[in-house]
């Protein structure tokens, strides 16, 4: 059965988190999310540095051709 154009069920409102779920969230899920976000930031910084280097190389190559 397709549920197009119907709102998603928000079961966490109907069944709020209990103490066990909150503890698991705090001890396991949130640290894993932080670790993942740190890795994404690391990769993003590396890609940005590579892009900046590529732009610099292209600019230098362009200047070299202009002088030739």
PDB file of N, CA and C in Angstrom:
ATOM      1  N   UNK A   1       0.836  -1.181   0.000  1.00  0.00           N
ATOM      2  CA  UNK A   1       0.000   0.000   0.000  1.00  0.00           C
ATOM      3  C   UNK A   1       0.887   1.252   0.000  1.00  0.00           C
ATOM      4  N   UNK A   2       0.664   2.127  -0.931  1.00  0.00           N
ATOM      5  CA  UNK A   2       1.423   3.374  -1.012  1.00  0.00           C
ATOM      6  C   UNK A   2       0.843   4.412  -0.068  1.00  0.00           C
ATOM      7  N   UNK A   3       1.730   5.177   0.552  1.00  0.00           N
ATOM      8  CA  UNK A   3       1.288   6.202   1.503  1.00  0.00           C
ATOM      9  C   UNK A   3       1.627   7.595   0.975  1.00  0.00           C
ATOM     10  N   UNK A   4       1.576   7.758  -0.326  1.00  0.00           N
ATOM     11  CA  UNK A   4       1.900   9.056  -0.900  1.00  0.00           C
ATOM     12  C   UNK A   4       0.941  10.121  -0.381  1.00  0.00           C
ATOM     13  N   UNK A   5       1.526  11.276  -0.172  1.00  0.00           N
ATOM     14  CA  UNK A   5       0.768  12.447   0.278  1.00  0.00           C
ATOM     15  C   UNK A   5       0.162  12.273   1.661  1.00  0.00           C
ATOM     16  N   UNK A   6       0.594  11.254   2.383  1.00  0.00           N
ATOM     17  CA  UNK A   6       0.141  11.084   3.758  1.00  0.00           C
ATOM     18  C   UNK A   6       1.300  11.419   4.684  1.00  0.00           C
ATOM     19  N   UNK A   7       1.024  12.035   5.816  1.00  0.00           N
ATOM     20  CA  UNK A   7       2.123  12.341   6.728  1.00  0.00           C
ATOM     21  C   UNK A   7       2.735  11.060   7.292  1.00  0.00           C
ATOM     22  N   UNK A   8       4.026  11.132   7.582  1.00  0.00           N
ATOM     23  CA  UNK A   8       4.688   9.990   8.189  1.00  0.00           C
ATOM     24  C   UNK A   8       4.187   9.803   9.616  1.00  0.00           C
ATOM     25  N   UNK A   9       4.108   8.565  10.034  1.00  0.00           N
ATOM     26  CA  UNK A   9       3.740   8.300  11.429  1.00  0.00           C
ATOM     27  C   UNK A   9       4.914   8.693  12.305  1.00  0.00           C
ATOM     28  N   UNK A  10       4.645   9.403  13.322  1.00  0.00           N
ATOM     29  CA  UNK A  10       5.691   9.826  14.248  1.00  0.00           C
ATOM     30  C   UNK A  10       5.535   9.030  15.539  1.00  0.00           C
ATOM     31  N   UNK A  11       5.995   7.787  15.474  1.00  0.00           N
ATOM     32  CA  UNK A  11       5.779   6.873  16.599  1.00  0.00           C
ATOM     33  C   UNK A  11       6.520   7.298  17.854  1.00  0.00           C
ATOM     34  N   UNK A  12       7.598   8.103  17.703  1.00  0.00           N
ATOM     35  CA  UNK A  12       8.311   8.536  18.897  1.00  0.00           C
ATOM     36  C   UNK A  12       7.483   9.494  19.731  1.00  0.00           C
ATOM     37  N   UNK A  13       6.480  10.108  19.115  1.00  0.00           N
ATOM     38  CA  UNK A  13       5.578  10.973  19.881  1.00  0.00           C
ATOM     39  C   UNK A  13       4.524  10.105  20.570  1.00  0.00           C
ATOM     40  N   UNK A  14       4.053   9.105  19.848  1.00  0.00           N
ATOM     41  CA  UNK A  14       3.051   8.219  20.420  1.00  0.00           C
ATOM     42  C   UNK A  14       3.643   7.347  21.517  1.00  0.00           C
ATOM     43  N   UNK A  15       4.909   6.972  21.365  1.00  0.00           N
ATOM     44  CA  UNK A  15       5.596   6.130  22.334  1.00  0.00           C
ATOM     45  C   UNK A  15       6.924   6.795  22.679  1.00  0.00           C
ATOM     46  N   UNK A  16       6.919   7.702  23.637  1.00  0.00           N
ATOM     47  CA  UNK A  16       8.148   8.433  23.952  1.00  0.00           C
ATOM     48  C   UNK A  16       9.249   7.491  24.432  1.00  0.00           C
ATOM     49  N   UNK A  17      10.487   7.953  24.286  1.00  0.00           N
ATOM     50  CA  UNK A  17      11.633   7.158  24.705  1.00  0.00           C
ATOM     51  C   UNK A  17      11.575   6.865  26.198  1.00  0.00           C
ATOM     52  N   UNK A  18      11.961   5.655  26.533  1.00  0.00           N
ATOM     53  CA  UNK A  18      12.094   5.278  27.936  1.00  0.00           C
ATOM     54  C   UNK A  18      13.517   5.526  28.399  1.00  0.00           C
ATOM     55  N   UNK A  19      13.776   5.255  29.660  1.00  0.00           N
ATOM     56  CA  UNK A  19      15.100   5.491  30.235  1.00  0.00           C
ATOM     57  C   UNK A  19      16.179   4.672  29.534  1.00  0.00           C
ATOM     58  N   UNK A  20      15.881   3.429  29.185  1.00  0.00           N
ATOM     59  CA  UNK A  20      16.855   2.567  28.511  1.00  0.00           C
ATOM     60  C   UNK A  20      17.227   3.124  27.144  1.00  0.00           C
ATOM     61  N   UNK A  21      16.243   3.587  26.394  1.00  0.00           N
ATOM     62  CA  UNK A  21      16.519   4.152  25.077  1.00  0.00           C
ATOM     63  C   UNK A  21      17.327   5.438  25.177  1.00  0.00           C
ATOM     64  N   UNK A  22      17.020   6.256  26.165  1.00  0.00           N
ATOM     65  CA  UNK A  22      17.760   7.508  26.351  1.00  0.00           C
ATOM     66  C   UNK A  22      19.210   7.208  26.716  1.00  0.00           C
ATOM     67  N   UNK A  23      19.419   6.232  27.594  1.00  0.00           N
ATOM     68  CA  UNK A  23      20.778   5.842  27.972  1.00  0.00           C
ATOM     69  C   UNK A  23      21.549   5.332  26.774  1.00  0.00           C
ATOM     70  N   UNK A  24      20.937   4.479  25.978  1.00  0.00           N
ATOM     71  CA  UNK A  24      21.602   3.956  24.776  1.00  0.00           C
ATOM     72  C   UNK A  24      21.926   5.097  23.814  1.00  0.00           C
ATOM     73  N   UNK A  25      21.002   6.010  23.667  1.00  0.00           N
ATOM     74  CA  UNK A  25      21.221   7.164  22.799  1.00  0.00           C
ATOM     75  C   UNK A  25      22.443   7.948  23.269  1.00  0.00           C
ATOM     76  N   UNK A  26      22.505   8.225  24.568  1.00  0.00           N
ATOM     77  CA  UNK A  26      23.607   9.013  25.116  1.00  0.00           C
ATOM     78  C   UNK A  26      24.936   8.265  25.053  1.00  0.00           C
ATOM     79  N   UNK A  27      24.924   6.965  25.292  1.00  0.00           N
ATOM     80  CA  UNK A  27      26.168   6.204  25.393  1.00  0.00           C
ATOM     81  C   UNK A  27      26.674   5.662  24.060  1.00  0.00           C
ATOM     82  N   UNK A  28      25.782   5.383  23.132  1.00  0.00           N
ATOM     83  CA  UNK A  28      26.191   4.720  21.898  1.00  0.00           C
ATOM     84  C   UNK A  28      25.929   5.535  20.642  1.00  0.00           C
ATOM     85  N   UNK A  29      24.734   6.031  20.515  1.00  0.00           N
ATOM     86  CA  UNK A  29      24.349   6.676  19.252  1.00  0.00           C
ATOM     87  C   UNK A  29      25.004   8.044  19.089  1.00  0.00           C
ATOM     88  N   UNK A  30      24.905   8.891  20.084  1.00  0.00           N
ATOM     89  CA  UNK A  30      25.462  10.237  19.958  1.00  0.00           C
ATOM     90  C   UNK A  30      26.975  10.219  19.739  1.00  0.00           C
ATOM     91  N   UNK A  31      27.750   9.404  20.463  1.00  0.00           N
ATOM     92  CA  UNK A  31      29.190   9.346  20.157  1.00  0.00           C
ATOM     93  C   UNK A  31      29.474   8.849  18.733  1.00  0.00           C
ATOM     94  N   UNK A  32      28.696   7.905  18.254  1.00  0.00           N
ATOM     95  CA  UNK A  32      28.889   7.415  16.886  1.00  0.00           C
ATOM     96  C   UNK A  32      28.590   8.515  15.873  1.00  0.00           C
ATOM     97  N   UNK A  33      27.567   9.284  16.125  1.00  0.00           N
ATOM     98  CA  UNK A  33      27.231  10.400  15.232  1.00  0.00           C
ATOM     99  C   UNK A  33      28.342  11.442  15.262  1.00  0.00           C
ATOM    100  N   UNK A  34      28.855  11.756  16.452  1.00  0.00           N
ATOM    101  CA  UNK A  34      29.950  12.732  16.558  1.00  0.00           C
ATOM    102  C   UNK A  34      31.190  12.247  15.800  1.00  0.00           C
ATOM    103  N   UNK A  35      31.495  10.968  15.933  1.00  0.00           N
ATOM    104  CA  UNK A  35      32.650  10.398  15.234  1.00  0.00           C
ATOM    105  C   UNK A  35      32.461  10.482  13.720  1.00  0.00           C
ATOM    106  N   UNK A  36      31.268  10.183  13.266  1.00  0.00           N
ATOM    107  CA  UNK A  36      30.963  10.255  11.840  1.00  0.00           C
ATOM    108  C   UNK A  36      31.084  11.695  11.338  1.00  0.00           C
ATOM    109  N   UNK A  37      30.545  12.638  12.084  1.00  0.00           N
ATOM    110  CA  UNK A  37      30.627  14.042  11.675  1.00  0.00           C
ATOM    111  C   UNK A  37      32.067  14.539  11.673  1.00  0.00           C
ATOM    112  N   UNK A  38      32.873  14.086  12.626  1.00  0.00           N
ATOM    113  CA  UNK A  38      34.287  14.472  12.643  1.00  0.00           C
ATOM    114  C   UNK A  38      34.989  13.938  11.402  1.00  0.00           C
ATOM    115  N   UNK A  39      34.672  12.713  11.015  1.00  0.00           N
ATOM    116  CA  UNK A  39      35.278  12.124   9.811  1.00  0.00           C
ATOM    117  C   UNK A  39      34.840  12.887   8.567  1.00  0.00           C
ATOM    118  N   UNK A  40      33.569  13.272   8.505  1.00  0.00           N
ATOM    119  CA  UNK A  40      33.069  14.056   7.372  1.00  0.00           C
ATOM    120  C   UNK A  40      33.806  15.394   7.304  1.00  0.00           C
ATOM    121  N   UNK A  41      34.003  16.039   8.456  1.00  0.00           N
ATOM    122  CA  UNK A  41      34.747  17.305   8.478  1.00  0.00           C
ATOM    123  C   UNK A  41      36.173  17.107   7.990  1.00  0.00           C
ATOM    124  N   UNK A  42      36.812  16.015   8.430  1.00  0.00           N
ATOM    125  CA  UNK A  42      38.178  15.720   8.002  1.00  0.00           C
ATOM    126  C   UNK A  42      38.256  15.541   6.491  1.00  0.00           C
ATOM    127  N   UNK A  43      37.327  14.774   5.942  1.00  0.00           N
ATOM    128  CA  UNK A  43      37.314  14.555   4.491  1.00  0.00           C
ATOM    129  C   UNK A  43      36.999  15.841   3.748  1.00  0.00           C
ATOM    130  N   UNK A  44      36.099  16.628   4.289  1.00  0.00           N
ATOM    131  CA  UNK A  44      35.733  17.894   3.660  1.00  0.00           C
ATOM    132  C   UNK A  44      36.933  18.835   3.606  1.00  0.00           C
ATOM    133  N   UNK A  45      37.699  18.906   4.695  1.00  0.00           N
ATOM    134  CA  UNK A  45      38.886  19.763   4.723  1.00  0.00           C
ATOM    135  C   UNK A  45      39.927  19.280   3.721  1.00  0.00           C
ATOM    136  N   UNK A  46      40.094  17.970   3.625  1.00  0.00           N
ATOM    137  CA  UNK A  46      41.058  17.413   2.673  1.00  0.00           C
ATOM    138  C   UNK A  46      40.646  17.731   1.235  1.00  0.00           C
ATOM    139  N   UNK A  47      39.362  17.570   0.932  1.00  0.00           N
ATOM    140  CA  UNK A  47      38.886  17.868  -0.420  1.00  0.00           C
ATOM    141  C   UNK A  47      39.006  19.349  -0.741  1.00  0.00           C
ATOM    142  N   UNK A  48      38.730  20.193   0.238  1.00  0.00           N
ATOM    143  CA  UNK A  48      38.856  21.633   0.031  1.00  0.00           C
ATOM    144  C   UNK A  48      40.310  22.009  -0.250  1.00  0.00           C
ATOM    145  N   UNK A  49      41.240  21.427   0.495  1.00  0.00           N
ATOM    146  CA  UNK A  49      42.661  21.697   0.260  1.00  0.00           C
ATOM    147  C   UNK A  49      43.072  21.229  -1.132  1.00  0.00           C
ATOM    148  N   UNK A  50      42.604  20.061  -1.552  1.00  0.00           N
ATOM    149  CA  UNK A  50      42.926  19.567  -2.893  1.00  0.00           C
ATOM    150  C   UNK A  50      42.362  20.490  -3.961  1.00  0.00           C
ATOM    151  N   UNK A  51      41.142  20.980  -3.741  1.00  0.00           N
ATOM    152  CA  UNK A  51      40.515  21.880  -4.708  1.00  0.00           C
ATOM    153  C   UNK A  51      41.292  23.192  -4.790  1.00  0.00           C
ATOM    154  N   UNK A  52      41.697  23.722  -3.657  1.00  0.00           N
ATOM    155  CA  UNK A  52      42.464  24.969  -3.657  1.00  0.00           C
ATOM    156  C   UNK A  52      43.797  24.787  -4.382  1.00  0.00           C
ATOM    157  N   UNK A  53      44.436  23.652  -4.176  1.00  0.00           N
ATOM    158  CA  UNK A  53      45.690  23.359  -4.867  1.00  0.00           C
ATOM    159  C   UNK A  53      45.463  23.265  -6.374  1.00  0.00           C
ATOM    160  N   UNK A  54      44.395  22.628  -6.775  1.00  0.00           N
ATOM    161  CA  UNK A  54      44.087  22.499  -8.193  1.00  0.00           C
ATOM    162  C   UNK A  54      43.818  23.868  -8.820  1.00  0.00           C
ATOM    163  N   UNK A  55      43.089  24.715  -8.121  1.00  0.00           N
ATOM    164  CA  UNK A  55      42.822  26.067  -8.627  1.00  0.00           C
ATOM    165  C   UNK A  55      44.129  26.832  -8.782  1.00  0.00           C
ATOM    166  N   UNK A  56      45.002  26.724  -7.782  1.00  0.00           N
ATOM    167  CA  UNK A  56      46.293  27.408  -7.847  1.00  0.00           C
ATOM    168  C   UNK A  56      47.119  26.903  -9.029  1.00  0.00           C
ATOM    169  N   UNK A  57      47.154  25.607  -9.224  1.00  0.00           N
ATOM    170  CA  UNK A  57      47.887  25.040 -10.352  1.00  0.00           C
ATOM    171  C   UNK A  57      47.323  25.539 -11.682  1.00  0.00           C
ATOM    172  N   UNK A  58      46.005  25.605 -11.778  1.00  0.00           N
ATOM    173  CA  UNK A  58      45.378  26.085 -13.017  1.00  0.00           C
ATOM    174  C   UNK A  58      45.710  27.554 -13.257  1.00  0.00           C
ATOM    175  N   UNK A  59      45.702  28.349 -12.202  1.00  0.00           N
ATOM    176  CA  UNK A  59      46.041  29.761 -12.354  1.00  0.00           C
ATOM    177  C   UNK A  59      47.494  29.931 -12.789  1.00  0.00           C
ATOM    178  N   UNK A  60      48.396  29.164 -12.185  1.00  0.00           N
ATOM    179  CA  UNK A  60      49.804  29.240 -12.570  1.00  0.00           C
ATOM    180  C   UNK A  60      50.013  28.787 -14.010  1.00  0.00           C
ATOM    181  N   UNK A  61      49.336  27.750 -14.401  1.00  0.00           N
ATOM    182  CA  UNK A  61      49.430  27.258 -15.786  1.00  0.00           C
ATOM    183  C   UNK A  61      48.901  28.312 -16.761  1.00  0.00           C
ATOM    184  N   UNK A  62      47.819  28.958 -16.377  1.00  0.00           N
ATOM    185  CA  UNK A  62      47.242  30.016 -17.222  1.00  0.00           C
ATOM    186  C   UNK A  62      48.220  31.179 -17.376  1.00  0.00           C
ATOM    187  N   UNK A  63      48.849  31.575 -16.273  1.00  0.00           N
ATOM    188  CA  UNK A  63      49.832  32.659 -16.328  1.00  0.00           C
ATOM    189  C   UNK A  63      51.035  32.264 -17.179  1.00  0.00           C
ATOM    190  N   UNK A  64      51.457  31.027 -17.058  1.00  0.00           N
ATOM    191  CA  UNK A  64      52.595  30.556 -17.840  1.00  0.00           C
ATOM    192  C   UNK A  64      52.299  30.618 -19.336  1.00  0.00           C
ATOM    193  N   UNK A  65      51.071  30.229 -19.719  1.00  0.00           N
ATOM    194  CA  UNK A  65      50.683  30.283 -21.132  1.00  0.00           C
ATOM    195  C   UNK A  65      50.563  31.739 -21.612  1.00  0.00           C
ATOM    196  N   UNK A  66      50.135  32.623 -20.735  1.00  0.00           N
ATOM    197  CA  UNK A  66      50.003  34.028 -21.107  1.00  0.00           C
ATOM    198  C   UNK A  66      51.377  34.657 -21.370  1.00  0.00           C
ATOM    199  N   UNK A  67      52.379  34.193 -20.635  1.00  0.00           N
ATOM    200  CA  UNK A  67      53.730  34.740 -20.805  1.00  0.00           C
ATOM    201  C   UNK A  67      54.446  34.144 -22.023  1.00  0.00           C
ATOM    202  N   UNK A  68      53.992  33.008 -22.494  1.00  0.00           N
ATOM    203  CA  UNK A  68      54.675  32.329 -23.610  1.00  0.00           C
ATOM    204  C   UNK A  68      54.323  32.934 -24.962  1.00  0.00           C
TER     205      UNK A  68
END
